[in-house]
Amino acid sequence: MNYNIFVINLKRCVKKKEKMRLRLSGINFSIIEGVDGRNLNIEKLKKVNNMILKEWKDPWSGRNMTWGEVGCTLSHCSIYEKCLNENI
C-alpha cells in the first residue's frame, strides 16, 4: 500500500524538524509548515475567511479554544486541501 506521510512543523521549531528527519530517515515524507498560533489574531483569521466560534467550549475543561489549537486546526486543514487539490 502507498501512503503519503505529512509532518507538520512550525517554522520556529528547527530542532524538532531535524529530529523528525532523523526519525523518519529512509521513509518518504513531506514537511508542511504549520500555522503558528502565536502569530494569529482575529484580523488574520478574517483575511483567510475563518473565525472562531466564541460560544464553543472544550467539553472537558470548559475553556475556549486556544490560539495554538486554532493554528493546529488550520495546519491540518492545509494538508486536507493539498490532498484534495492533488487527488491524494
N, C-alpha and C. Protein backbone atom coordinates (compact mmCIF):
# COMPACT_ATOMS: atom_id res chain seq x y z
N MET A 1 0.84 -1.18 0.00
CA MET A 1 0.00 0.00 0.00
C MET A 1 0.89 1.25 0.00
N ASN A 2 0.48 2.27 -0.71
CA ASN A 2 1.24 3.50 -0.82
C ASN A 2 0.63 4.57 0.08
N TYR A 3 1.41 5.07 1.04
CA TYR A 3 0.94 6.09 1.96
C TYR A 3 1.65 7.40 1.71
N ASN A 4 0.97 8.50 1.96
CA ASN A 4 1.57 9.83 1.96
C ASN A 4 1.70 10.26 3.41
N ILE A 5 2.90 10.57 3.81
CA ILE A 5 3.16 10.98 5.19
C ILE A 5 3.47 12.46 5.21
N PHE A 6 2.76 13.19 6.06
CA PHE A 6 2.98 14.62 6.21
C PHE A 6 3.39 14.90 7.64
N VAL A 7 4.41 15.71 7.80
CA VAL A 7 4.86 16.14 9.11
C VAL A 7 4.60 17.65 9.20
N ILE A 8 3.81 18.04 10.17
CA ILE A 8 3.55 19.47 10.38
C ILE A 8 4.60 19.98 11.34
N ASN A 9 5.25 21.07 10.95
CA ASN A 9 6.29 21.64 11.78
C ASN A 9 6.21 23.16 11.74
N LEU A 10 6.31 23.78 12.90
CA LEU A 10 6.35 25.24 12.96
C LEU A 10 7.71 25.74 12.52
N LYS A 11 7.72 26.86 11.81
CA LYS A 11 8.96 27.43 11.29
C LYS A 11 9.99 27.66 12.41
N ARG A 12 9.52 28.06 13.59
CA ARG A 12 10.42 28.36 14.70
C ARG A 12 10.99 27.11 15.38
N CYS A 13 10.48 25.93 15.03
CA CYS A 13 10.91 24.69 15.69
C CYS A 13 11.90 23.91 14.81
N VAL A 14 13.05 24.50 14.59
CA VAL A 14 14.06 23.92 13.71
C VAL A 14 14.58 22.59 14.26
N LYS A 15 14.84 22.52 15.56
CA LYS A 15 15.37 21.29 16.17
C LYS A 15 14.38 20.13 16.05
N LYS A 16 13.09 20.43 16.23
CA LYS A 16 12.07 19.38 16.10
C LYS A 16 12.02 18.85 14.67
N LYS A 17 12.18 19.75 13.69
CA LYS A 17 12.16 19.32 12.29
C LYS A 17 13.32 18.39 12.01
N GLU A 18 14.50 18.73 12.49
CA GLU A 18 15.67 17.87 12.28
C GLU A 18 15.51 16.53 12.99
N LYS A 19 14.91 16.56 14.17
CA LYS A 19 14.66 15.32 14.92
C LYS A 19 13.73 14.40 14.13
N MET A 20 12.70 14.96 13.50
CA MET A 20 11.78 14.15 12.70
C MET A 20 12.45 13.62 11.45
N ARG A 21 13.31 14.44 10.84
CA ARG A 21 14.05 13.96 9.66
C ARG A 21 14.91 12.75 10.01
N LEU A 22 15.55 12.79 11.16
CA LEU A 22 16.36 11.65 11.60
C LEU A 22 15.47 10.44 11.91
N ARG A 23 14.37 10.70 12.58
CA ARG A 23 13.46 9.63 12.98
C ARG A 23 12.84 8.93 11.77
N LEU A 24 12.57 9.70 10.71
CA LEU A 24 11.91 9.15 9.53
C LEU A 24 12.90 8.87 8.40
N SER A 25 14.16 8.78 8.74
CA SER A 25 15.20 8.50 7.75
C SER A 25 14.87 7.23 6.96
N GLY A 26 14.94 7.33 5.64
CA GLY A 26 14.63 6.19 4.79
C GLY A 26 13.17 6.08 4.40
N ILE A 27 12.34 6.97 4.93
CA ILE A 27 10.91 6.96 4.63
C ILE A 27 10.59 8.22 3.83
N ASN A 28 9.76 8.09 2.82
CA ASN A 28 9.36 9.23 2.02
C ASN A 28 8.27 10.01 2.76
N PHE A 29 8.53 11.30 3.04
CA PHE A 29 7.56 12.13 3.74
C PHE A 29 7.72 13.57 3.29
N SER A 30 6.71 14.38 3.59
CA SER A 30 6.72 15.81 3.27
C SER A 30 6.58 16.60 4.55
N ILE A 31 7.39 17.65 4.67
CA ILE A 31 7.26 18.55 5.81
C ILE A 31 6.39 19.73 5.38
N ILE A 32 5.35 19.97 6.16
CA ILE A 32 4.41 21.06 5.90
C ILE A 32 4.61 22.11 7.00
N GLU A 33 4.80 23.36 6.58
CA GLU A 33 4.96 24.41 7.58
C GLU A 33 3.62 24.66 8.26
N GLY A 34 3.61 24.53 9.59
CA GLY A 34 2.40 24.71 10.35
C GLY A 34 2.05 26.17 10.55
N VAL A 35 0.80 26.42 10.88
CA VAL A 35 0.33 27.76 11.21
C VAL A 35 0.60 27.98 12.70
N ASP A 36 1.41 28.97 13.00
CA ASP A 36 1.81 29.24 14.38
C ASP A 36 0.74 30.07 15.09
N GLY A 37 0.14 29.49 16.10
CA GLY A 37 -0.90 30.18 16.86
C GLY A 37 -0.41 31.45 17.53
N ARG A 38 0.90 31.54 17.80
CA ARG A 38 1.46 32.75 18.41
C ARG A 38 1.36 33.96 17.48
N ASN A 39 1.23 33.69 16.19
CA ASN A 39 1.17 34.78 15.21
C ASN A 39 -0.24 35.06 14.72
N LEU A 40 -1.23 34.45 15.35
CA LEU A 40 -2.62 34.63 14.90
C LEU A 40 -3.35 35.68 15.72
N ASN A 41 -4.33 36.29 15.09
CA ASN A 41 -5.28 37.17 15.77
C ASN A 41 -6.56 37.20 14.93
N ILE A 42 -7.56 37.85 15.43
CA ILE A 42 -8.86 37.87 14.75
C ILE A 42 -8.74 38.45 13.33
N GLU A 43 -7.97 39.51 13.18
CA GLU A 43 -7.83 40.15 11.86
C GLU A 43 -7.21 39.18 10.85
N LYS A 44 -6.19 38.43 11.28
CA LYS A 44 -5.56 37.46 10.37
C LYS A 44 -6.52 36.35 9.98
N LEU A 45 -7.35 35.92 10.93
CA LEU A 45 -8.33 34.88 10.61
C LEU A 45 -9.35 35.38 9.60
N LYS A 46 -9.77 36.62 9.76
CA LYS A 46 -10.74 37.20 8.82
C LYS A 46 -10.17 37.23 7.41
N LYS A 47 -8.86 37.52 7.29
CA LYS A 47 -8.22 37.59 5.97
C LYS A 47 -8.25 36.26 5.24
N VAL A 48 -8.22 35.16 6.00
CA VAL A 48 -8.27 33.83 5.36
C VAL A 48 -9.67 33.23 5.46
N ASN A 49 -10.65 34.11 5.70
CA ASN A 49 -12.06 33.73 5.72
C ASN A 49 -12.37 32.67 6.78
N ASN A 50 -11.82 32.84 7.97
CA ASN A 50 -12.08 31.95 9.09
C ASN A 50 -12.41 32.78 10.32
N MET A 51 -13.10 32.17 11.24
CA MET A 51 -13.41 32.81 12.51
C MET A 51 -13.47 31.75 13.60
N ILE A 52 -13.43 32.22 14.83
CA ILE A 52 -13.56 31.33 15.98
C ILE A 52 -14.99 31.44 16.49
N LEU A 53 -15.61 30.32 16.75
CA LEU A 53 -16.94 30.31 17.34
C LEU A 53 -16.77 30.58 18.84
N LYS A 54 -17.04 31.80 19.25
CA LYS A 54 -16.79 32.23 20.63
C LYS A 54 -17.60 31.44 21.65
N GLU A 55 -18.74 30.91 21.22
CA GLU A 55 -19.60 30.16 22.14
C GLU A 55 -19.07 28.76 22.42
N TRP A 56 -18.11 28.28 21.59
CA TRP A 56 -17.62 26.92 21.75
C TRP A 56 -16.77 26.80 23.01
N LYS A 57 -17.00 25.77 23.77
CA LYS A 57 -16.23 25.48 24.98
C LYS A 57 -15.73 24.04 24.91
N ASP A 58 -14.50 23.83 25.34
CA ASP A 58 -13.95 22.48 25.40
C ASP A 58 -14.81 21.68 26.39
N PRO A 59 -15.29 20.51 25.97
CA PRO A 59 -16.20 19.75 26.85
C PRO A 59 -15.53 19.25 28.14
N TRP A 60 -14.21 19.12 28.14
CA TRP A 60 -13.52 18.61 29.33
C TRP A 60 -13.12 19.72 30.28
N SER A 61 -12.62 20.83 29.74
CA SER A 61 -12.12 21.89 30.61
C SER A 61 -13.08 23.07 30.75
N GLY A 62 -14.01 23.20 29.78
CA GLY A 62 -14.93 24.32 29.80
C GLY A 62 -14.34 25.62 29.28
N ARG A 63 -13.11 25.58 28.77
CA ARG A 63 -12.45 26.79 28.28
C ARG A 63 -12.65 26.96 26.78
N ASN A 64 -12.40 28.18 26.31
CA ASN A 64 -12.46 28.46 24.89
C ASN A 64 -11.22 27.88 24.20
N MET A 65 -11.27 27.83 22.89
CA MET A 65 -10.16 27.33 22.08
C MET A 65 -8.96 28.26 22.20
N THR A 66 -7.75 27.70 22.29
CA THR A 66 -6.54 28.50 22.37
C THR A 66 -6.06 28.84 20.95
N TRP A 67 -5.19 29.85 20.85
CA TRP A 67 -4.63 30.20 19.54
C TRP A 67 -3.78 29.06 18.99
N GLY A 68 -3.13 28.31 19.86
CA GLY A 68 -2.36 27.15 19.40
C GLY A 68 -3.25 26.10 18.76
N GLU A 69 -4.41 25.88 19.34
CA GLU A 69 -5.36 24.92 18.78
C GLU A 69 -5.91 25.41 17.44
N VAL A 70 -6.12 26.72 17.32
CA VAL A 70 -6.57 27.28 16.05
C VAL A 70 -5.50 27.06 14.99
N GLY A 71 -4.23 27.35 15.33
CA GLY A 71 -3.13 27.13 14.39
C GLY A 71 -3.01 25.68 13.99
N CYS A 72 -3.17 24.78 14.94
CA CYS A 72 -3.10 23.35 14.67
C CYS A 72 -4.20 22.93 13.69
N THR A 73 -5.42 23.43 13.94
CA THR A 73 -6.55 23.12 13.06
C THR A 73 -6.30 23.61 11.65
N LEU A 74 -5.83 24.86 11.52
CA LEU A 74 -5.55 25.42 10.20
C LEU A 74 -4.43 24.66 9.50
N SER A 75 -3.45 24.18 10.26
CA SER A 75 -2.35 23.40 9.68
C SER A 75 -2.88 22.10 9.08
N HIS A 76 -3.74 21.41 9.82
CA HIS A 76 -4.33 20.17 9.31
C HIS A 76 -5.22 20.44 8.10
N CYS A 77 -5.97 21.54 8.15
CA CYS A 77 -6.82 21.90 7.00
C CYS A 77 -5.99 22.12 5.75
N SER A 78 -4.78 22.67 5.89
CA SER A 78 -3.94 22.89 4.71
C SER A 78 -3.51 21.56 4.10
N ILE A 79 -3.33 20.55 4.93
CA ILE A 79 -3.00 19.22 4.40
C ILE A 79 -4.20 18.61 3.69
N TYR A 80 -5.38 18.76 4.26
CA TYR A 80 -6.60 18.25 3.61
C TYR A 80 -6.79 18.92 2.25
N GLU A 81 -6.55 20.24 2.21
CA GLU A 81 -6.66 20.97 0.96
C GLU A 81 -5.66 20.44 -0.07
N LYS A 82 -4.43 20.21 0.37
CA LYS A 82 -3.39 19.66 -0.51
C LYS A 82 -3.82 18.31 -1.07
N CYS A 83 -4.36 17.48 -0.22
CA CYS A 83 -4.81 16.15 -0.65
C CYS A 83 -5.93 16.26 -1.69
N LEU A 84 -6.86 17.17 -1.47
CA LEU A 84 -7.95 17.36 -2.42
C LEU A 84 -7.43 17.90 -3.75
N ASN A 85 -6.58 18.94 -3.68
CA ASN A 85 -6.05 19.56 -4.89
C ASN A 85 -5.17 18.64 -5.71
N GLU A 86 -4.44 17.74 -5.02
CA GLU A 86 -3.52 16.85 -5.71
C GLU A 86 -4.07 15.43 -5.88
N ASN A 87 -5.34 15.25 -5.54
CA ASN A 87 -6.01 13.95 -5.66
C ASN A 87 -5.23 12.84 -4.92
N ILE A 88 -4.84 13.16 -3.71
CA ILE A 88 -4.08 12.18 -2.89
C ILE A 88 -5.06 11.40 -2.05
